[in-house]
Amino acid sequence: MRDRLNLTLPVEMIEQIRDLSERKSISRSAIVEAAVASFLSPDNADRREAAFARRMDRLSRQVQRIERDLGVTAETVALFVRFWLTITPPLPSDAHAAAQAKGRERYEGFIETLGVRLQKGQSFLREIPDDVAGDVPE
């Protein structure tokens, strides 16, 4: 069923509708009907807004993972430093040079191992499950 609607439009717009009607060989009513249907249906702005919302949700999840990883990293380093400082006895003054040489050797080994792991795409954080159980057996 169709109903008649009388409307007034600016002269320039009526000329554009008439030109398009002649070029496409379709009626002016069909052009106006398509324009109104497009206006009433979800348009590009709504689709763009939905795409932005999905992207923002994805970015929020990524930021949450980064925050979690940063927290795990900070806790790991803090725990290691506390443990190391607690169990490491002070060195006698005559052993400082040997300890520094051994420290440099260990540090170079550490950097080499870290480089190999990063090149392979291995990550300590990936080895830790997302949900760490509170009652993990020791």
Protein backbone atom coordinates (compact mmCIF):
# COMPACT_ATOMS: atom_id res chain seq x y z
CA MET A 1 0.00 0.00 0.00
CA ARG A 2 1.26 3.44 -0.84
CA ASP A 3 0.18 6.84 0.47
CA ARG A 4 0.68 10.22 -1.11
CA LEU A 5 2.88 12.85 0.54
CA ASN A 6 3.24 16.43 -0.65
CA LEU A 7 6.40 18.22 0.36
CA THR A 8 8.34 21.30 -0.50
CA LEU A 9 12.03 21.24 -1.29
CA PRO A 10 14.50 23.91 -2.35
CA VAL A 11 14.59 24.50 -6.10
CA GLU A 12 18.25 23.44 -6.32
CA MET A 13 17.47 20.10 -4.72
CA ILE A 14 14.53 19.49 -7.08
CA GLU A 15 16.85 20.19 -10.01
CA GLN A 16 19.39 17.70 -8.67
CA ILE A 17 16.65 15.09 -8.27
CA ARG A 18 15.41 15.75 -11.80
CA ASP A 19 18.94 15.51 -13.27
CA LEU A 20 19.63 12.24 -11.43
CA SER A 21 16.25 10.89 -12.54
CA GLU A 22 17.07 11.58 -16.19
CA ARG A 23 20.62 10.17 -15.96
CA LYS A 24 19.57 6.96 -14.18
CA SER A 25 16.22 6.61 -15.97
CA ILE A 26 14.31 6.18 -12.73
CA SER A 27 11.43 8.16 -11.32
CA ARG A 28 11.87 11.13 -9.03
CA SER A 29 9.65 9.37 -6.49
CA ALA A 30 12.04 6.40 -6.43
CA ILE A 31 14.99 8.71 -5.77
CA VAL A 32 13.22 10.51 -2.93
CA GLU A 33 11.98 7.18 -1.52
CA ALA A 34 15.54 5.78 -1.53
CA ALA A 35 16.85 8.93 0.16
CA VAL A 36 14.21 8.78 2.89
CA ALA A 37 14.81 5.04 3.39
CA SER A 38 18.52 5.70 3.73
CA PHE A 39 17.84 8.45 6.25
CA LEU A 40 15.58 6.20 8.33
CA SER A 41 17.91 3.17 8.28
CA PRO A 42 21.19 2.84 10.19
CA ASP A 43 23.69 4.79 8.18
CA ASN A 44 27.43 5.06 7.98
CA ALA A 45 27.62 7.16 11.14
CA ASP A 46 25.92 4.41 13.16
CA ARG A 47 28.12 1.72 11.63
CA ARG A 48 31.19 3.87 12.24
CA GLU A 49 30.13 4.40 15.85
CA ALA A 50 29.69 0.63 16.32
CA ALA A 51 33.12 0.02 14.79
CA PHE A 52 34.65 2.60 17.13
CA ALA A 53 32.92 0.97 20.11
CA ARG A 54 34.32 -2.45 19.14
CA ARG A 55 37.79 -0.97 18.67
CA MET A 56 37.62 0.84 22.02
CA ASP A 57 36.57 -2.41 23.73
CA ARG A 58 39.52 -4.20 22.13
CA LEU A 59 41.90 -1.43 23.22
CA SER A 60 40.50 -1.55 26.76
CA ARG A 61 41.20 -5.29 26.95
CA GLN A 62 44.73 -4.73 25.63
CA VAL A 63 45.39 -2.03 28.23
CA GLN A 64 44.07 -4.34 30.97
CA ARG A 65 46.50 -7.06 29.82
CA ILE A 66 49.37 -4.57 29.77
CA GLU A 67 48.49 -3.39 33.29
CA ARG A 68 48.34 -7.00 34.49
CA ASP A 69 51.68 -7.83 32.84
CA LEU A 70 53.29 -4.70 34.30
CA GLY A 71 52.00 -5.61 37.77
CA VAL A 72 53.34 -9.16 37.46
CA THR A 73 56.69 -7.82 36.25
CA ALA A 74 56.99 -5.30 39.09
CA GLU A 75 56.06 -7.91 41.70
CA THR A 76 58.52 -10.42 40.21
CA VAL A 77 61.41 -7.95 40.29
CA ALA A 78 60.52 -6.72 43.78
CA LEU A 79 60.26 -10.27 45.12
CA PHE A 80 63.57 -11.25 43.52
CA VAL A 81 65.38 -8.18 44.89
CA ARG A 82 63.97 -8.71 48.40
CA PHE A 83 64.91 -12.39 48.30
CA TRP A 84 68.40 -11.66 46.92
CA LEU A 85 69.08 -8.95 49.50
CA THR A 86 67.86 -11.20 52.30
CA ILE A 87 70.02 -14.24 51.49
CA THR A 88 73.19 -12.60 50.14
CA PRO A 89 75.83 -12.16 52.85
CA PRO A 90 78.18 -9.17 52.72
CA LEU A 91 81.52 -9.80 51.02
CA PRO A 92 84.88 -9.35 52.68
CA SER A 93 86.76 -6.38 51.22
CA ASP A 94 89.41 -8.53 49.56
CA ALA A 95 86.74 -10.43 47.53
CA HIS A 96 85.15 -7.37 45.85
CA ALA A 97 87.23 -7.55 42.65
CA ALA A 98 86.51 -11.25 42.12
CA ALA A 99 82.81 -10.69 42.86
CA GLN A 100 82.63 -7.82 40.34
CA ALA A 101 84.28 -9.96 37.65
CA LYS A 102 81.87 -12.84 38.37
CA GLY A 103 78.97 -10.35 38.36
CA ARG A 104 79.92 -9.04 34.91
CA GLU A 105 80.20 -12.61 33.62
CA ARG A 106 76.76 -13.53 35.00
CA TYR A 107 75.23 -10.31 33.64
CA GLU A 108 76.56 -10.99 30.14
CA GLY A 109 75.10 -14.52 30.33
CA PHE A 110 71.79 -13.08 31.51
CA ILE A 111 71.66 -10.57 28.62
CA GLU A 112 72.54 -13.30 26.11
CA THR A 113 69.82 -15.61 27.45
CA LEU A 114 67.29 -12.76 27.44
CA GLY A 115 68.16 -11.90 23.83
CA VAL A 116 67.71 -15.53 22.72
CA ARG A 117 64.33 -15.79 24.49
CA LEU A 118 63.08 -12.54 22.97
CA GLN A 119 64.20 -13.56 19.48
CA LYS A 120 62.29 -16.83 19.84
CA GLY A 121 59.20 -14.93 21.05
CA GLN A 122 59.33 -16.55 24.47
CA SER A 123 58.03 -14.54 27.39
CA PHE A 124 58.12 -15.18 31.10
CA LEU A 125 54.69 -13.53 31.37
CA ARG A 126 53.21 -16.05 28.93
CA GLU A 127 54.43 -18.84 31.18
CA ILE A 128 52.32 -17.47 34.02
CA PRO A 129 48.64 -18.43 33.73
CA ASP A 130 46.11 -15.59 33.58
CA ASP A 131 44.37 -16.79 36.71
CA VAL A 132 46.88 -17.81 39.34
CA ALA A 133 45.27 -20.03 41.96
CA GLY A 134 45.76 -18.92 45.55
CA ASP A 135 46.41 -22.44 46.82
CA VAL A 136 49.20 -23.61 44.51
CA PRO A 137 51.05 -26.59 46.04
CA GLU A 138 54.74 -25.92 46.66
